[in-house]
Amino acid sequence: MTLSQFNTYTGAARLEIIEELGNFIAFRGRRGYRIALYDLGSFFAEIWSNPQTDYISLVRGFESKRALEPYLTQINLMEMFEW
């Protein structure tokens, strides 16, 4: 699946795709949201939720390496490779 294809789906369908195909990488927080990062092979996806209500506000896909910067202190790249 490509990022363009992913972005044509509804938020609910994007969640299902992430659950089926995504590999969880890390959590981070921002402005009261809990943001989960997933690897989907050719792109990444985030799920933005309110930790107090579990309401999901945003499900977005991206390819930008710059968008990964907030996770750099939490990600051990060695764990992402099979040796």
N, C-alpha and C. Protein backbone atom coordinates (compact mmCIF):
# COMPACT_ATOMS: atom_id res chain seq x y z
N MET A 1 0.84 -1.17 0.00
CA MET A 1 0.00 0.00 0.00
C MET A 1 0.89 1.24 0.00
N THR A 2 0.46 2.24 -0.74
CA THR A 2 1.21 3.50 -0.78
C THR A 2 0.54 4.52 0.13
N LEU A 3 1.27 5.58 0.42
CA LEU A 3 0.70 6.66 1.22
C LEU A 3 -0.50 7.28 0.52
N SER A 4 -0.43 7.46 -0.77
CA SER A 4 -1.56 8.02 -1.53
C SER A 4 -2.81 7.17 -1.38
N GLN A 5 -2.65 5.86 -1.45
CA GLN A 5 -3.79 4.97 -1.28
C GLN A 5 -4.34 5.06 0.15
N PHE A 6 -3.45 5.04 1.12
CA PHE A 6 -3.84 5.14 2.52
C PHE A 6 -4.67 6.39 2.77
N ASN A 7 -4.25 7.50 2.20
CA ASN A 7 -4.92 8.78 2.43
C ASN A 7 -6.29 8.88 1.78
N THR A 8 -6.65 7.95 0.90
CA THR A 8 -7.99 7.98 0.29
C THR A 8 -9.04 7.37 1.21
N TYR A 9 -8.62 6.63 2.25
CA TYR A 9 -9.55 5.97 3.15
C TYR A 9 -10.05 6.90 4.25
N THR A 10 -11.17 6.55 4.85
CA THR A 10 -11.69 7.28 6.00
C THR A 10 -10.80 7.04 7.21
N GLY A 11 -10.98 7.84 8.24
CA GLY A 11 -10.21 7.65 9.46
C GLY A 11 -10.40 6.27 10.06
N ALA A 12 -11.64 5.77 10.06
CA ALA A 12 -11.91 4.44 10.62
C ALA A 12 -11.21 3.35 9.80
N ALA A 13 -11.23 3.49 8.49
CA ALA A 13 -10.56 2.51 7.64
C ALA A 13 -9.04 2.59 7.81
N ARG A 14 -8.51 3.78 8.00
CA ARG A 14 -7.08 3.92 8.25
C ARG A 14 -6.67 3.19 9.53
N LEU A 15 -7.52 3.30 10.56
CA LEU A 15 -7.24 2.59 11.82
C LEU A 15 -7.18 1.08 11.59
N GLU A 16 -8.10 0.55 10.81
CA GLU A 16 -8.11 -0.87 10.51
C GLU A 16 -6.85 -1.29 9.76
N ILE A 17 -6.43 -0.46 8.81
CA ILE A 17 -5.21 -0.75 8.05
C ILE A 17 -4.01 -0.78 8.98
N ILE A 18 -3.93 0.19 9.88
CA ILE A 18 -2.81 0.24 10.83
C ILE A 18 -2.83 -1.00 11.73
N GLU A 19 -4.01 -1.40 12.20
CA GLU A 19 -4.11 -2.58 13.06
C GLU A 19 -3.66 -3.84 12.32
N GLU A 20 -4.00 -3.95 11.03
CA GLU A 20 -3.67 -5.14 10.26
C GLU A 20 -2.22 -5.16 9.76
N LEU A 21 -1.74 -4.01 9.28
CA LEU A 21 -0.46 -3.98 8.58
C LEU A 21 0.66 -3.24 9.32
N GLY A 22 0.29 -2.44 10.31
CA GLY A 22 1.28 -1.59 10.96
C GLY A 22 2.10 -2.28 12.02
N ASN A 23 3.31 -1.80 12.17
CA ASN A 23 4.20 -2.25 13.25
C ASN A 23 4.42 -1.07 14.18
N PHE A 24 3.99 -1.23 15.45
CA PHE A 24 4.13 -0.16 16.42
C PHE A 24 5.60 0.16 16.65
N ILE A 25 5.90 1.46 16.73
CA ILE A 25 7.28 1.89 16.98
C ILE A 25 7.42 2.60 18.31
N ALA A 26 6.58 3.62 18.57
CA ALA A 26 6.77 4.41 19.79
C ALA A 26 5.55 5.27 20.08
N PHE A 27 5.48 5.74 21.33
CA PHE A 27 4.50 6.74 21.75
C PHE A 27 5.22 8.04 22.01
N ARG A 28 4.49 9.15 21.88
CA ARG A 28 4.96 10.45 22.34
C ARG A 28 3.74 11.25 22.76
N GLY A 29 3.97 12.34 23.47
CA GLY A 29 2.89 13.22 23.88
C GLY A 29 3.06 14.60 23.29
N ARG A 30 1.93 15.26 23.05
CA ARG A 30 1.97 16.63 22.56
C ARG A 30 0.63 17.28 22.79
N ARG A 31 0.64 18.41 23.50
CA ARG A 31 -0.56 19.22 23.74
C ARG A 31 -1.74 18.39 24.24
N GLY A 32 -1.48 17.49 25.17
CA GLY A 32 -2.53 16.68 25.76
C GLY A 32 -2.92 15.45 24.96
N TYR A 33 -2.26 15.21 23.84
CA TYR A 33 -2.54 14.03 23.03
C TYR A 33 -1.49 12.95 23.27
N ARG A 34 -1.91 11.73 23.12
CA ARG A 34 -0.98 10.59 23.09
C ARG A 34 -0.91 10.16 21.63
N ILE A 35 0.29 10.15 21.10
CA ILE A 35 0.48 9.89 19.67
C ILE A 35 1.27 8.61 19.51
N ALA A 36 0.69 7.67 18.78
CA ALA A 36 1.32 6.38 18.52
C ALA A 36 1.85 6.37 17.09
N LEU A 37 3.10 5.97 16.94
CA LEU A 37 3.75 5.90 15.63
C LEU A 37 3.83 4.46 15.15
N TYR A 38 3.48 4.24 13.88
CA TYR A 38 3.51 2.92 13.27
C TYR A 38 4.27 2.97 11.95
N ASP A 39 4.94 1.87 11.66
CA ASP A 39 5.62 1.68 10.38
C ASP A 39 4.71 0.85 9.49
N LEU A 40 4.44 1.34 8.29
CA LEU A 40 3.62 0.60 7.33
C LEU A 40 4.42 0.26 6.08
N GLY A 41 5.71 0.10 6.22
CA GLY A 41 6.55 -0.31 5.10
C GLY A 41 7.08 0.86 4.31
N SER A 42 6.29 1.42 3.43
CA SER A 42 6.75 2.51 2.58
C SER A 42 6.43 3.89 3.16
N PHE A 43 5.74 3.92 4.32
CA PHE A 43 5.42 5.19 4.98
C PHE A 43 5.14 4.92 6.45
N PHE A 44 4.95 5.98 7.21
CA PHE A 44 4.64 5.89 8.63
C PHE A 44 3.24 6.44 8.86
N ALA A 45 2.65 6.08 10.01
CA ALA A 45 1.33 6.60 10.38
C ALA A 45 1.33 6.93 11.86
N GLU A 46 0.52 7.92 12.20
CA GLU A 46 0.32 8.31 13.60
C GLU A 46 -1.16 8.24 13.93
N ILE A 47 -1.43 7.84 15.17
CA ILE A 47 -2.78 7.89 15.72
C ILE A 47 -2.73 8.84 16.89
N TRP A 48 -3.48 9.95 16.79
CA TRP A 48 -3.54 10.96 17.84
C TRP A 48 -4.80 10.71 18.66
N SER A 49 -4.63 10.49 19.97
CA SER A 49 -5.79 10.24 20.82
C SER A 49 -5.68 11.00 22.13
N ASN A 50 -6.83 11.21 22.75
CA ASN A 50 -6.89 11.84 24.06
C ASN A 50 -6.78 10.73 25.09
N PRO A 51 -5.74 10.73 25.92
CA PRO A 51 -5.54 9.62 26.86
C PRO A 51 -6.61 9.54 27.94
N GLN A 52 -7.32 10.62 28.21
CA GLN A 52 -8.35 10.60 29.25
C GLN A 52 -9.66 10.02 28.74
N THR A 53 -9.95 10.23 27.46
CA THR A 53 -11.23 9.77 26.91
C THR A 53 -11.08 8.66 25.87
N ASP A 54 -9.86 8.40 25.43
CA ASP A 54 -9.57 7.45 24.35
C ASP A 54 -10.18 7.86 23.01
N TYR A 55 -10.60 9.12 22.90
CA TYR A 55 -11.14 9.63 21.64
C TYR A 55 -9.99 9.82 20.64
N ILE A 56 -10.14 9.28 19.46
CA ILE A 56 -9.11 9.43 18.42
C ILE A 56 -9.45 10.65 17.57
N SER A 57 -8.54 11.61 17.58
CA SER A 57 -8.76 12.87 16.87
C SER A 57 -8.21 12.87 15.46
N LEU A 58 -7.13 12.10 15.23
CA LEU A 58 -6.45 12.17 13.95
C LEU A 58 -5.74 10.85 13.66
N VAL A 59 -5.84 10.41 12.43
CA VAL A 59 -5.07 9.28 11.93
C VAL A 59 -4.43 9.75 10.64
N ARG A 60 -3.11 9.86 10.64
CA ARG A 60 -2.45 10.43 9.46
C ARG A 60 -1.26 9.59 9.04
N GLY A 61 -1.02 9.56 7.74
CA GLY A 61 0.14 8.92 7.19
C GLY A 61 1.12 9.96 6.68
N PHE A 62 2.41 9.61 6.67
CA PHE A 62 3.41 10.56 6.17
C PHE A 62 4.68 9.81 5.77
N GLU A 63 5.46 10.44 4.93
CA GLU A 63 6.75 9.90 4.50
C GLU A 63 7.91 10.75 4.97
N SER A 64 7.63 11.94 5.47
CA SER A 64 8.65 12.91 5.85
C SER A 64 9.52 12.40 6.99
N LYS A 65 10.82 12.41 6.76
CA LYS A 65 11.76 12.04 7.82
C LYS A 65 11.75 13.08 8.94
N ARG A 66 11.47 14.31 8.59
CA ARG A 66 11.42 15.37 9.59
C ARG A 66 10.31 15.12 10.62
N ALA A 67 9.21 14.51 10.19
CA ALA A 67 8.10 14.21 11.11
C ALA A 67 8.48 13.14 12.13
N LEU A 68 9.58 12.43 11.89
CA LEU A 68 10.06 11.41 12.83
C LEU A 68 10.92 11.99 13.94
N GLU A 69 11.38 13.21 13.78
CA GLU A 69 12.29 13.82 14.75
C GLU A 69 11.80 13.77 16.20
N PRO A 70 10.50 13.99 16.49
CA PRO A 70 10.07 13.93 17.89
C PRO A 70 10.24 12.55 18.53
N TYR A 71 10.45 11.53 17.73
CA TYR A 71 10.58 10.17 18.25
C TYR A 71 12.03 9.72 18.41
N LEU A 72 12.97 10.48 17.93
CA LEU A 72 14.36 10.01 17.85
C LEU A 72 14.96 9.60 19.19
N THR A 73 14.56 10.23 20.26
CA THR A 73 15.13 9.86 21.56
C THR A 73 14.53 8.56 22.09
N GLN A 74 13.43 8.10 21.50
CA GLN A 74 12.75 6.89 21.97
C GLN A 74 13.01 5.66 21.12
N ILE A 75 13.47 5.86 19.89
CA ILE A 75 13.58 4.76 18.95
C ILE A 75 15.00 4.20 18.94
N ASN A 76 15.10 2.90 19.11
CA ASN A 76 16.37 2.21 18.96
C ASN A 76 16.34 1.56 17.57
N LEU A 77 17.05 2.14 16.63
CA LEU A 77 17.02 1.65 15.26
C LEU A 77 17.52 0.22 15.13
N MET A 78 18.38 -0.22 16.02
CA MET A 78 18.89 -1.58 15.96
C MET A 78 17.76 -2.60 16.16
N GLU A 79 16.73 -2.23 16.92
CA GLU A 79 15.61 -3.12 17.15
C GLU A 79 14.74 -3.30 15.91
N MET A 80 14.86 -2.39 14.95
CA MET A 80 14.05 -2.44 13.75
C MET A 80 14.62 -3.40 12.70
N PHE A 81 15.83 -3.86 12.92
CA PHE A 81 16.47 -4.75 11.97
C PHE A 81 16.60 -6.15 12.57
N GLU A 82 16.40 -7.15 11.74
CA GLU A 82 16.62 -8.53 12.16
C GLU A 82 18.04 -8.91 11.81
N TRP A 83 18.79 -9.39 12.76
CA TRP A 83 20.19 -9.74 12.52
C TRP A 83 20.32 -11.21 12.35
